[in-house]
N, C-alpha and C. Protein backbone atom coordinates (compact mmCIF):
# COMPACT_ATOMS: atom_id res chain seq x y z
N UNK A 1 130.04 -0.63 11.40
CA UNK A 1 129.66 -0.70 12.81
C UNK A 1 128.25 -0.15 12.98
N UNK A 2 127.44 -0.85 13.76
CA UNK A 2 126.04 -0.46 13.96
C UNK A 2 125.91 0.25 15.30
N UNK A 3 126.00 1.58 15.27
CA UNK A 3 125.90 2.34 16.50
C UNK A 3 124.52 2.21 17.11
N UNK A 4 124.46 2.04 18.45
CA UNK A 4 123.17 1.97 19.13
C UNK A 4 122.60 0.57 19.19
N UNK A 5 123.17 -0.36 18.43
CA UNK A 5 122.66 -1.73 18.47
C UNK A 5 123.21 -2.46 19.67
N UNK A 6 122.34 -3.08 20.47
CA UNK A 6 122.77 -3.77 21.68
C UNK A 6 123.33 -5.14 21.35
N UNK A 7 124.32 -5.55 22.12
CA UNK A 7 124.89 -6.88 21.95
C UNK A 7 123.92 -7.91 22.50
N UNK A 8 124.15 -9.16 22.17
CA UNK A 8 123.30 -10.25 22.67
C UNK A 8 123.35 -10.30 24.19
N UNK A 9 124.53 -10.02 24.75
CA UNK A 9 124.67 -10.04 26.20
C UNK A 9 123.84 -8.94 26.84
N UNK A 10 123.86 -7.73 26.23
CA UNK A 10 123.09 -6.62 26.76
C UNK A 10 121.59 -6.86 26.63
N UNK A 11 121.19 -7.48 25.50
CA UNK A 11 119.77 -7.75 25.28
C UNK A 11 119.23 -8.69 26.34
N UNK A 12 120.08 -9.64 26.76
CA UNK A 12 119.60 -10.63 27.72
C UNK A 12 119.75 -10.22 29.17
N UNK A 13 120.37 -9.06 29.40
CA UNK A 13 120.59 -8.62 30.77
C UNK A 13 119.29 -8.18 31.42
N UNK A 14 119.07 -8.64 32.66
CA UNK A 14 117.84 -8.31 33.38
C UNK A 14 118.08 -7.13 34.30
N UNK A 15 117.07 -6.30 34.46
CA UNK A 15 117.18 -5.14 35.34
C UNK A 15 117.00 -5.55 36.79
N UNK A 16 117.50 -4.73 37.68
CA UNK A 16 117.39 -4.99 39.10
C UNK A 16 116.04 -4.55 39.66
N UNK A 17 115.82 -4.74 40.96
CA UNK A 17 114.56 -4.34 41.60
C UNK A 17 114.30 -2.84 41.43
N UNK A 18 113.06 -2.51 41.09
CA UNK A 18 112.66 -1.12 40.89
C UNK A 18 111.26 -0.90 41.44
N UNK A 19 110.83 0.35 41.37
CA UNK A 19 109.45 0.67 41.72
C UNK A 19 108.51 -0.11 40.80
N UNK A 20 107.38 -0.52 41.31
CA UNK A 20 106.42 -1.29 40.52
C UNK A 20 105.98 -0.47 39.32
N UNK A 21 105.95 -1.05 38.12
CA UNK A 21 105.51 -0.32 36.93
C UNK A 21 104.12 0.29 37.11
N UNK A 22 103.91 1.46 36.50
CA UNK A 22 102.67 2.21 36.70
C UNK A 22 101.41 1.43 36.43
N UNK A 23 101.37 0.67 35.34
CA UNK A 23 100.18 -0.11 35.01
C UNK A 23 99.88 -1.13 36.08
N UNK A 24 100.94 -1.74 36.63
CA UNK A 24 100.75 -2.75 37.68
C UNK A 24 100.33 -2.07 38.98
N UNK A 25 100.89 -0.90 39.26
CA UNK A 25 100.47 -0.15 40.45
C UNK A 25 98.97 0.14 40.39
N UNK A 26 98.52 0.63 39.25
CA UNK A 26 97.10 0.95 39.10
C UNK A 26 96.22 -0.27 39.31
N UNK A 27 96.68 -1.41 38.81
CA UNK A 27 95.93 -2.67 38.97
C UNK A 27 95.84 -3.06 40.44
N UNK A 28 96.95 -2.98 41.15
CA UNK A 28 96.97 -3.37 42.57
C UNK A 28 96.04 -2.48 43.39
N UNK A 29 95.99 -1.20 43.04
CA UNK A 29 95.14 -0.26 43.78
C UNK A 29 93.66 -0.46 43.43
N UNK A 30 93.37 -0.57 42.13
CA UNK A 30 91.97 -0.66 41.69
C UNK A 30 91.37 -2.04 41.87
N UNK A 31 92.13 -3.07 41.53
CA UNK A 31 91.58 -4.44 41.54
C UNK A 31 91.87 -5.20 42.82
N UNK A 32 93.04 -4.98 43.40
CA UNK A 32 93.42 -5.70 44.62
C UNK A 32 93.19 -4.87 45.88
N UNK A 33 92.74 -3.63 45.68
CA UNK A 33 92.36 -2.73 46.80
C UNK A 33 93.51 -2.49 47.77
N UNK A 34 94.72 -2.39 47.25
CA UNK A 34 95.87 -2.12 48.10
C UNK A 34 96.00 -0.62 48.34
N UNK A 35 96.49 -0.27 49.51
CA UNK A 35 96.74 1.12 49.87
C UNK A 35 97.79 1.69 48.90
N UNK A 36 97.49 2.83 48.25
CA UNK A 36 98.45 3.43 47.31
C UNK A 36 99.82 3.69 47.93
N UNK A 37 99.85 4.09 49.20
CA UNK A 37 101.13 4.34 49.86
C UNK A 37 101.93 3.05 50.00
N UNK A 38 101.24 1.95 50.25
CA UNK A 38 101.91 0.66 50.37
C UNK A 38 102.45 0.21 49.03
N UNK A 39 101.67 0.39 47.99
CA UNK A 39 102.11 0.00 46.64
C UNK A 39 103.43 0.70 46.29
N UNK A 40 103.56 1.95 46.71
CA UNK A 40 104.79 2.71 46.45
C UNK A 40 106.00 2.13 47.19
N UNK A 41 105.74 1.42 48.29
CA UNK A 41 106.81 0.88 49.11
C UNK A 41 107.33 -0.46 48.61
N UNK A 42 106.50 -1.18 47.89
CA UNK A 42 106.90 -2.50 47.39
C UNK A 42 107.79 -2.36 46.16
N UNK A 43 108.47 -3.44 45.83
CA UNK A 43 109.37 -3.44 44.68
C UNK A 43 108.94 -4.51 43.66
N UNK A 44 109.48 -4.38 42.45
CA UNK A 44 109.17 -5.35 41.40
C UNK A 44 110.45 -5.66 40.63
N UNK A 45 110.51 -6.89 40.12
CA UNK A 45 111.54 -7.28 39.16
C UNK A 45 110.81 -7.71 37.89
N UNK A 46 111.37 -7.32 36.76
CA UNK A 46 110.68 -7.50 35.48
C UNK A 46 111.62 -8.14 34.46
N UNK A 47 111.04 -8.93 33.56
CA UNK A 47 111.79 -9.42 32.41
C UNK A 47 110.85 -9.51 31.22
N UNK A 48 111.39 -9.36 30.03
CA UNK A 48 110.58 -9.43 28.83
C UNK A 48 110.13 -10.87 28.60
N UNK A 49 108.87 -11.03 28.23
CA UNK A 49 108.34 -12.38 28.00
C UNK A 49 108.86 -12.95 26.69
N UNK A 50 108.66 -14.23 26.49
CA UNK A 50 109.14 -14.89 25.28
C UNK A 50 108.48 -14.31 24.03
N UNK A 51 107.24 -13.85 24.16
CA UNK A 51 106.52 -13.32 23.00
C UNK A 51 107.02 -11.92 22.63
N UNK A 52 107.59 -11.22 23.61
CA UNK A 52 108.10 -9.88 23.35
C UNK A 52 107.07 -8.79 23.51
N UNK A 53 105.79 -9.13 23.58
CA UNK A 53 104.73 -8.13 23.67
C UNK A 53 104.42 -7.76 25.12
N UNK A 54 104.72 -8.68 26.04
CA UNK A 54 104.41 -8.44 27.44
C UNK A 54 105.66 -8.61 28.30
N UNK A 55 105.52 -8.26 29.56
CA UNK A 55 106.62 -8.40 30.52
C UNK A 55 106.16 -9.25 31.69
N UNK A 56 107.02 -10.17 32.12
CA UNK A 56 106.77 -10.92 33.34
C UNK A 56 107.15 -10.04 34.52
N UNK A 57 106.40 -10.14 35.62
CA UNK A 57 106.68 -9.30 36.77
C UNK A 57 106.48 -10.08 38.07
N UNK A 58 107.32 -9.78 39.03
CA UNK A 58 107.19 -10.33 40.38
C UNK A 58 107.24 -9.17 41.36
N UNK A 59 106.29 -9.15 42.28
CA UNK A 59 106.20 -8.09 43.28
C UNK A 59 106.62 -8.65 44.63
N UNK A 60 107.44 -7.89 45.36
CA UNK A 60 107.92 -8.36 46.65
C UNK A 60 108.19 -7.16 47.57
N UNK A 61 108.40 -7.47 48.85
CA UNK A 61 108.72 -6.44 49.85
C UNK A 61 110.22 -6.54 50.13
N UNK A 62 110.97 -5.53 49.71
CA UNK A 62 112.42 -5.59 49.87
C UNK A 62 112.85 -5.63 51.33
N UNK A 63 112.06 -5.05 52.23
CA UNK A 63 112.43 -5.08 53.65
C UNK A 63 112.46 -6.52 54.17
N UNK A 64 111.57 -7.36 53.66
CA UNK A 64 111.58 -8.77 54.08
C UNK A 64 112.80 -9.48 53.52
N UNK A 65 113.17 -9.16 52.28
CA UNK A 65 114.36 -9.76 51.69
C UNK A 65 115.60 -9.39 52.51
N UNK A 66 115.68 -8.13 52.95
CA UNK A 66 116.81 -7.70 53.77
C UNK A 66 116.82 -8.45 55.10
N UNK A 67 115.63 -8.59 55.71
CA UNK A 67 115.54 -9.29 56.99
C UNK A 67 116.00 -10.74 56.87
N UNK A 68 115.75 -11.34 55.71
CA UNK A 68 116.15 -12.73 55.48
C UNK A 68 117.55 -12.85 54.90
N UNK A 69 118.21 -11.66 54.77
CA UNK A 69 119.58 -11.61 54.25
C UNK A 69 119.67 -12.20 52.84
N UNK A 70 118.68 -11.85 52.02
CA UNK A 70 118.64 -12.27 50.62
C UNK A 70 118.90 -11.07 49.74
N UNK A 71 119.87 -11.18 48.85
CA UNK A 71 120.18 -10.10 47.92
C UNK A 71 119.56 -10.43 46.56
N UNK A 72 118.61 -9.62 46.15
CA UNK A 72 117.90 -9.86 44.90
C UNK A 72 118.50 -8.99 43.80
N UNK A 73 119.06 -9.62 42.78
CA UNK A 73 119.69 -8.88 41.69
C UNK A 73 118.75 -8.64 40.52
N UNK A 74 117.87 -9.62 40.27
CA UNK A 74 116.97 -9.49 39.12
C UNK A 74 115.81 -10.48 39.25
N UNK A 75 115.05 -10.62 38.18
CA UNK A 75 113.85 -11.47 38.17
C UNK A 75 114.17 -12.91 38.58
N UNK A 76 115.26 -13.45 38.06
CA UNK A 76 115.56 -14.87 38.31
C UNK A 76 116.03 -15.12 39.74
N UNK A 77 116.45 -14.07 40.45
CA UNK A 77 116.90 -14.26 41.84
C UNK A 77 115.80 -14.85 42.71
N UNK A 78 114.54 -14.54 42.37
CA UNK A 78 113.42 -15.03 43.17
C UNK A 78 113.09 -16.50 42.88
N UNK A 79 113.74 -17.10 41.88
CA UNK A 79 113.54 -18.53 41.62
C UNK A 79 113.94 -19.35 42.85
N UNK A 80 114.97 -18.86 43.57
CA UNK A 80 115.50 -19.61 44.71
C UNK A 80 114.85 -19.22 46.03
N UNK A 81 114.01 -18.20 46.02
CA UNK A 81 113.32 -17.80 47.25
C UNK A 81 111.89 -17.37 46.92
N UNK A 82 111.08 -18.31 46.43
CA UNK A 82 109.71 -18.00 46.02
C UNK A 82 108.83 -17.51 47.17
N UNK A 83 109.25 -17.78 48.42
CA UNK A 83 108.46 -17.34 49.57
C UNK A 83 108.43 -15.82 49.71
N UNK A 84 109.30 -15.12 48.98
CA UNK A 84 109.31 -13.66 49.03
C UNK A 84 108.32 -13.04 48.03
N UNK A 85 107.84 -13.83 47.07
CA UNK A 85 106.97 -13.29 46.03
C UNK A 85 105.56 -13.08 46.56
N UNK A 86 105.06 -11.85 46.44
CA UNK A 86 103.70 -11.54 46.87
C UNK A 86 102.74 -11.70 45.69
N UNK A 87 103.11 -11.12 44.55
CA UNK A 87 102.32 -11.28 43.32
C UNK A 87 103.26 -11.64 42.18
N UNK A 88 102.74 -12.44 41.24
CA UNK A 88 103.51 -12.83 40.08
C UNK A 88 102.58 -12.90 38.88
N UNK A 89 103.07 -12.47 37.72
CA UNK A 89 102.23 -12.53 36.52
C UNK A 89 102.86 -11.77 35.37
N UNK A 90 102.02 -11.10 34.60
CA UNK A 90 102.52 -10.36 33.44
C UNK A 90 101.73 -9.07 33.26
N UNK A 91 102.30 -8.17 32.47
CA UNK A 91 101.59 -6.94 32.14
C UNK A 91 101.99 -6.47 30.75
N UNK A 92 101.09 -5.72 30.14
CA UNK A 92 101.31 -5.12 28.82
C UNK A 92 101.09 -3.62 29.00
N UNK A 93 102.18 -2.88 29.01
CA UNK A 93 102.09 -1.44 29.28
C UNK A 93 101.28 -0.71 28.22
N UNK A 94 101.47 -1.09 26.97
CA UNK A 94 100.76 -0.42 25.88
C UNK A 94 99.26 -0.66 25.91
N UNK A 95 98.88 -1.91 26.15
CA UNK A 95 97.46 -2.27 26.17
C UNK A 95 96.83 -2.05 27.53
N UNK A 96 97.64 -1.66 28.52
CA UNK A 96 97.17 -1.44 29.89
C UNK A 96 96.49 -2.69 30.46
N UNK A 97 97.09 -3.83 30.20
CA UNK A 97 96.56 -5.10 30.68
C UNK A 97 97.50 -5.69 31.74
N UNK A 98 96.90 -6.28 32.78
CA UNK A 98 97.67 -6.89 33.87
C UNK A 98 97.01 -8.19 34.28
N UNK A 99 97.82 -9.19 34.52
CA UNK A 99 97.31 -10.46 35.03
C UNK A 99 98.26 -10.92 36.14
N UNK A 100 97.80 -10.88 37.38
CA UNK A 100 98.64 -11.25 38.51
C UNK A 100 97.99 -12.34 39.35
N UNK A 101 98.81 -13.21 39.87
CA UNK A 101 98.36 -14.24 40.81
C UNK A 101 98.97 -13.92 42.17
N UNK A 102 98.13 -13.96 43.20
CA UNK A 102 98.62 -13.74 44.56
C UNK A 102 99.35 -15.00 45.02
N UNK A 103 100.63 -14.87 45.32
CA UNK A 103 101.43 -16.01 45.73
C UNK A 103 101.54 -16.16 47.24
N UNK A 104 101.35 -15.05 47.95
CA UNK A 104 101.46 -15.08 49.41
C UNK A 104 100.55 -14.03 50.01
N UNK A 105 99.76 -14.44 50.99
CA UNK A 105 98.88 -13.49 51.68
C UNK A 105 99.67 -12.78 52.78
N UNK A 106 99.59 -11.48 52.78
CA UNK A 106 100.27 -10.68 53.80
C UNK A 106 99.24 -9.80 54.49
N UNK A 107 99.27 -9.79 55.81
CA UNK A 107 98.33 -8.96 56.56
C UNK A 107 98.91 -7.55 56.71
N UNK A 108 98.56 -6.69 55.74
CA UNK A 108 99.07 -5.32 55.76
C UNK A 108 98.33 -4.46 56.78
N UNK A 109 97.14 -4.91 57.20
CA UNK A 109 96.31 -4.10 58.11
C UNK A 109 96.68 -4.34 59.57
N UNK A 110 97.96 -4.27 59.87
CA UNK A 110 98.39 -4.46 61.26
C UNK A 110 97.90 -3.29 62.12
N UNK A 111 97.40 -3.57 63.32
CA UNK A 111 96.90 -2.47 64.16
C UNK A 111 98.03 -1.56 64.64
N UNK A 112 97.73 -0.28 64.71
CA UNK A 112 98.66 0.70 65.27
C UNK A 112 98.15 1.06 66.66
N UNK A 113 98.92 0.70 67.67
CA UNK A 113 98.48 0.89 69.06
C UNK A 113 98.79 2.30 69.55
N UNK A 114 97.98 2.76 70.49
CA UNK A 114 98.26 4.03 71.17
C UNK A 114 99.34 3.78 72.21
N UNK A 115 99.91 4.85 72.74
CA UNK A 115 100.92 4.71 73.78
C UNK A 115 100.33 4.01 75.01
N UNK A 116 99.09 4.33 75.34
CA UNK A 116 98.45 3.71 76.50
C UNK A 116 98.26 2.22 76.28
N UNK A 117 97.91 1.82 75.05
CA UNK A 117 97.73 0.39 74.75
C UNK A 117 99.06 -0.35 74.80
N UNK A 118 100.12 0.30 74.32
CA UNK A 118 101.45 -0.31 74.37
C UNK A 118 101.86 -0.53 75.82
N UNK A 119 101.65 0.49 76.65
CA UNK A 119 102.00 0.38 78.08
C UNK A 119 101.21 -0.74 78.74
N UNK A 120 99.95 -0.84 78.41
CA UNK A 120 99.09 -1.88 79.00
C UNK A 120 99.61 -3.28 78.66
N UNK A 121 100.04 -3.48 77.42
CA UNK A 121 100.55 -4.78 77.00
C UNK A 121 101.87 -5.10 77.70
N UNK A 122 102.69 -4.09 77.93
CA UNK A 122 103.95 -4.30 78.65
C UNK A 122 103.68 -4.69 80.10
N UNK A 123 102.77 -3.96 80.73
CA UNK A 123 102.45 -4.23 82.13
C UNK A 123 101.76 -5.57 82.33
N UNK A 124 101.21 -6.13 81.25
CA UNK A 124 100.52 -7.42 81.34
C UNK A 124 101.50 -8.60 81.40
N UNK A 125 102.78 -8.36 81.14
CA UNK A 125 103.77 -9.44 81.21
C UNK A 125 103.87 -9.94 82.66
N UNK A 126 103.80 -11.24 82.85
CA UNK A 126 103.80 -11.81 84.19
C UNK A 126 104.93 -12.81 84.43
N UNK A 127 105.22 -13.65 83.45
CA UNK A 127 106.22 -14.70 83.63
C UNK A 127 107.61 -14.20 83.27
N UNK A 128 108.62 -14.51 84.08
CA UNK A 128 109.99 -14.13 83.74
C UNK A 128 110.37 -14.61 82.33
N UNK A 129 111.03 -13.78 81.57
CA UNK A 129 111.43 -14.05 80.18
C UNK A 129 110.30 -13.95 79.17
N UNK A 130 109.07 -13.68 79.64
CA UNK A 130 107.98 -13.51 78.68
C UNK A 130 108.19 -12.20 77.92
N UNK A 131 107.69 -12.14 76.69
CA UNK A 131 107.92 -10.98 75.84
C UNK A 131 106.64 -10.52 75.16
N UNK A 132 106.67 -9.29 74.71
CA UNK A 132 105.64 -8.75 73.84
C UNK A 132 106.37 -7.93 72.78
N UNK A 133 105.87 -7.94 71.54
CA UNK A 133 106.56 -7.18 70.51
C UNK A 133 105.59 -6.29 69.75
N UNK A 134 106.17 -5.24 69.15
CA UNK A 134 105.40 -4.27 68.39
C UNK A 134 106.14 -4.00 67.08
N UNK A 135 105.44 -4.10 65.95
CA UNK A 135 106.06 -3.78 64.67
C UNK A 135 106.43 -2.30 64.64
N UNK A 136 107.54 -1.99 63.98
CA UNK A 136 107.98 -0.59 63.92
C UNK A 136 108.27 -0.16 62.49
N UNK A 137 108.19 1.15 62.27
CA UNK A 137 108.38 1.73 60.93
C UNK A 137 109.65 2.57 60.84
N UNK A 138 110.44 2.61 61.91
CA UNK A 138 111.71 3.33 61.92
C UNK A 138 112.74 2.50 62.66
N UNK A 139 113.99 2.65 62.26
CA UNK A 139 115.05 1.93 62.95
C UNK A 139 116.04 1.32 61.98
N UNK A 140 116.85 0.40 62.48
CA UNK A 140 117.91 -0.21 61.67
C UNK A 140 117.61 -1.65 61.30
N UNK A 141 116.50 -2.19 61.77
CA UNK A 141 116.12 -3.55 61.44
C UNK A 141 115.21 -3.57 60.21
N UNK A 142 114.82 -4.75 59.78
CA UNK A 142 114.00 -4.87 58.57
C UNK A 142 112.93 -5.92 58.73
N UNK A 143 111.96 -5.88 57.80
CA UNK A 143 110.90 -6.88 57.75
C UNK A 143 109.67 -6.47 58.52
N UNK A 144 108.62 -7.29 58.39
CA UNK A 144 107.36 -7.02 59.07
C UNK A 144 106.48 -6.06 58.28
N UNK A 145 105.22 -5.98 58.63
CA UNK A 145 104.28 -5.15 57.88
C UNK A 145 104.56 -3.65 57.92
N UNK A 146 105.34 -3.19 58.92
CA UNK A 146 105.68 -1.77 58.97
C UNK A 146 107.09 -1.51 58.42
N UNK A 147 107.75 -2.58 58.00
CA UNK A 147 108.98 -2.44 57.23
C UNK A 147 110.30 -2.45 57.97
N UNK A 148 110.31 -2.07 59.24
CA UNK A 148 111.57 -1.92 59.96
C UNK A 148 111.67 -2.81 61.19
N UNK A 149 111.16 -4.02 61.07
CA UNK A 149 111.29 -4.99 62.14
C UNK A 149 110.34 -4.77 63.30
N UNK A 150 110.83 -5.04 64.52
CA UNK A 150 109.96 -4.96 65.70
C UNK A 150 110.75 -4.54 66.92
N UNK A 151 110.04 -3.93 67.87
CA UNK A 151 110.58 -3.67 69.21
C UNK A 151 110.07 -4.78 70.10
N UNK A 152 110.96 -5.43 70.81
CA UNK A 152 110.62 -6.55 71.69
C UNK A 152 110.88 -6.15 73.14
N UNK A 153 109.88 -6.33 73.98
CA UNK A 153 110.03 -6.01 75.41
C UNK A 153 109.97 -7.31 76.20
N UNK A 154 110.99 -7.56 77.01
CA UNK A 154 111.08 -8.79 77.80
C UNK A 154 110.99 -8.47 79.29
N UNK A 155 110.28 -9.32 80.02
CA UNK A 155 110.27 -9.23 81.48
C UNK A 155 111.55 -9.89 81.97
N UNK A 156 112.45 -9.09 82.47
CA UNK A 156 113.79 -9.54 82.84
C UNK A 156 113.76 -10.71 83.83
N UNK A 157 114.29 -11.88 83.43
CA UNK A 157 114.27 -13.05 84.33
C UNK A 157 115.17 -12.87 85.55
N UNK A 158 116.09 -11.90 85.49
CA UNK A 158 117.02 -11.68 86.60
C UNK A 158 116.55 -10.59 87.56
N UNK A 159 115.39 -10.06 87.31
CA UNK A 159 114.83 -9.04 88.20
C UNK A 159 114.01 -9.73 89.29
N UNK A 160 114.08 -9.35 90.55
CA UNK A 160 114.85 -8.22 91.08
C UNK A 160 116.22 -8.65 91.57
N UNK A 161 117.20 -8.59 90.71
CA UNK A 161 118.58 -8.85 91.13
C UNK A 161 119.32 -7.54 91.29
N UNK A 162 120.56 -7.61 91.69
CA UNK A 162 121.35 -6.41 91.90
C UNK A 162 121.53 -5.64 90.60
N UNK A 163 121.12 -4.40 90.59
CA UNK A 163 121.23 -3.50 89.44
C UNK A 163 120.47 -4.02 88.22
N UNK A 164 119.44 -4.82 88.44
CA UNK A 164 118.64 -5.35 87.33
C UNK A 164 117.34 -4.57 87.21
N UNK A 165 117.07 -4.08 86.00
CA UNK A 165 115.81 -3.40 85.73
C UNK A 165 114.73 -4.43 85.41
N UNK A 166 113.49 -4.02 85.53
CA UNK A 166 112.38 -4.96 85.35
C UNK A 166 112.20 -5.39 83.90
N UNK A 167 112.44 -4.46 82.97
CA UNK A 167 112.21 -4.77 81.54
C UNK A 167 113.48 -4.55 80.73
N UNK A 168 113.63 -5.38 79.68
CA UNK A 168 114.72 -5.23 78.71
C UNK A 168 114.09 -5.01 77.34
N UNK A 169 114.58 -4.02 76.62
CA UNK A 169 114.03 -3.67 75.32
C UNK A 169 115.04 -4.01 74.22
N UNK A 170 114.55 -4.69 73.19
CA UNK A 170 115.37 -5.09 72.05
C UNK A 170 114.73 -4.59 70.75
N UNK A 171 115.53 -4.56 69.68
CA UNK A 171 114.97 -4.40 68.33
C UNK A 171 115.41 -5.61 67.51
N UNK A 172 114.51 -6.12 66.67
CA UNK A 172 114.78 -7.36 65.95
C UNK A 172 114.23 -7.30 64.53
N UNK A 173 114.88 -8.03 63.63
CA UNK A 173 114.32 -8.24 62.30
C UNK A 173 113.03 -9.06 62.43
N UNK A 174 112.18 -8.97 61.43
CA UNK A 174 110.94 -9.75 61.41
C UNK A 174 110.87 -10.55 60.12
N UNK A 175 110.64 -11.85 60.23
CA UNK A 175 110.37 -12.69 59.06
C UNK A 175 109.13 -13.52 59.34
N UNK A 176 108.29 -13.66 58.33
CA UNK A 176 107.04 -14.40 58.48
C UNK A 176 106.23 -13.88 59.67
N UNK A 177 106.25 -12.56 59.83
CA UNK A 177 105.44 -11.84 60.82
C UNK A 177 105.91 -12.02 62.26
N UNK A 178 107.06 -12.69 62.48
CA UNK A 178 107.56 -12.91 63.83
C UNK A 178 108.98 -12.36 63.98
N UNK A 179 109.31 -11.81 65.16
CA UNK A 179 110.69 -11.33 65.39
C UNK A 179 111.68 -12.49 65.28
N UNK A 180 112.86 -12.19 64.76
CA UNK A 180 113.93 -13.18 64.69
C UNK A 180 114.69 -13.13 66.01
N UNK A 181 114.30 -13.98 66.95
CA UNK A 181 114.87 -13.95 68.29
C UNK A 181 114.48 -12.67 69.00
N UNK A 182 115.25 -12.31 70.01
CA UNK A 182 114.99 -11.06 70.72
C UNK A 182 115.69 -9.88 70.05
N UNK A 183 116.69 -10.17 69.22
CA UNK A 183 117.37 -9.11 68.50
C UNK A 183 118.49 -8.47 69.30
N UNK A 184 118.70 -7.18 69.07
CA UNK A 184 119.78 -6.44 69.72
C UNK A 184 119.24 -5.64 70.89
N UNK A 185 119.93 -5.74 72.00
CA UNK A 185 119.50 -5.03 73.20
C UNK A 185 119.66 -3.51 73.03
N UNK A 186 118.61 -2.78 73.41
CA UNK A 186 118.62 -1.32 73.32
C UNK A 186 118.83 -0.68 74.69
N UNK A 187 117.98 -1.04 75.65
CA UNK A 187 118.11 -0.46 76.99
C UNK A 187 117.28 -1.26 77.98
N UNK A 188 117.45 -0.95 79.28
CA UNK A 188 116.65 -1.55 80.34
C UNK A 188 115.90 -0.44 81.06
N UNK A 189 114.77 -0.78 81.66
CA UNK A 189 113.99 0.22 82.37
C UNK A 189 113.03 -0.43 83.35
N UNK A 190 112.74 0.30 84.41
CA UNK A 190 111.71 -0.13 85.37
C UNK A 190 110.36 0.53 85.06
N UNK A 191 110.36 1.43 84.09
CA UNK A 191 109.18 2.25 83.84
C UNK A 191 108.50 1.91 82.52
N UNK A 192 107.40 1.16 82.57
CA UNK A 192 106.69 0.79 81.34
C UNK A 192 106.18 2.01 80.55
N UNK A 193 105.90 3.10 81.26
CA UNK A 193 105.43 4.30 80.58
C UNK A 193 106.53 4.87 79.67
N UNK A 194 107.78 4.88 80.18
CA UNK A 194 108.89 5.38 79.37
C UNK A 194 109.15 4.48 78.17
N UNK A 195 109.04 3.18 78.38
CA UNK A 195 109.24 2.24 77.28
C UNK A 195 108.14 2.44 76.23
N UNK A 196 106.90 2.57 76.68
CA UNK A 196 105.78 2.76 75.76
C UNK A 196 105.95 4.03 74.94
N UNK A 197 106.46 5.08 75.57
CA UNK A 197 106.69 6.34 74.86
C UNK A 197 107.74 6.13 73.77
N UNK A 198 108.81 5.42 74.10
CA UNK A 198 109.88 5.16 73.14
C UNK A 198 109.37 4.31 71.97
N UNK A 199 108.60 3.26 72.28
CA UNK A 199 108.06 2.39 71.24
C UNK A 199 107.14 3.18 70.32
N UNK A 200 106.29 4.01 70.91
CA UNK A 200 105.32 4.74 70.11
C UNK A 200 105.98 5.65 69.09
N UNK A 201 107.15 6.16 69.38
CA UNK A 201 107.85 7.04 68.44
C UNK A 201 108.24 6.32 67.15
N UNK A 202 108.37 5.01 67.20
CA UNK A 202 108.76 4.26 65.99
C UNK A 202 107.66 3.29 65.53
N UNK A 203 106.57 3.24 66.28
CA UNK A 203 105.43 2.37 65.95
C UNK A 203 104.33 3.23 65.34
N UNK A 204 104.36 3.32 64.01
CA UNK A 204 103.35 4.14 63.31
C UNK A 204 103.19 3.60 61.90
N UNK A 205 102.31 4.18 61.15
CA UNK A 205 102.04 3.73 59.79
C UNK A 205 103.32 3.80 58.95
N UNK A 206 103.49 2.78 58.12
CA UNK A 206 104.65 2.73 57.24
C UNK A 206 104.58 3.89 56.24
N UNK A 207 105.74 4.53 56.02
CA UNK A 207 105.76 5.72 55.17
C UNK A 207 106.68 5.53 53.98
N UNK A 208 106.30 6.20 52.90
CA UNK A 208 107.09 6.13 51.65
C UNK A 208 108.31 7.03 51.76
């Protein structure tokens, strides 16, 4: 018996999503000018190349996969959803070599609004059922450049009806930079200042 020797099945098993390998992280920061904090937030799936000297790698944002209800088990899972791949290529950890192709452009530099700016955008709503949304970095939703979906504010079409507030606030998943519908209702309010304060608490830079 050969102790420590892996079976053919074990040799061919692919690992699940993990933190981006160090050599690839360094490349993304130095060559692609990505924010180091953002690089830490993204995930990678890896498999050994046919030559055995290098590894194939795909970089993606797991929050977007969750928003799209896609469960990624390993490298081959992305064969069926290539729209999730941000970078794809190979790396050699020993030689410190990386070759990546950008598969999808993502606008990571989303503006972070002040509470006053958020309130101004809410107060600018004029047509019944019109909405404005803000990406958020905290909550139970997923997707978007801040990772946790969006807060959506709607001008209530039933206002001024009996017991109807002027605004309705929702939280929604984000795919392809847009909220998926209005999402789940959070609360109603007549006060844009209170809504802006609530939004600002979850509308901030994405954190590791």
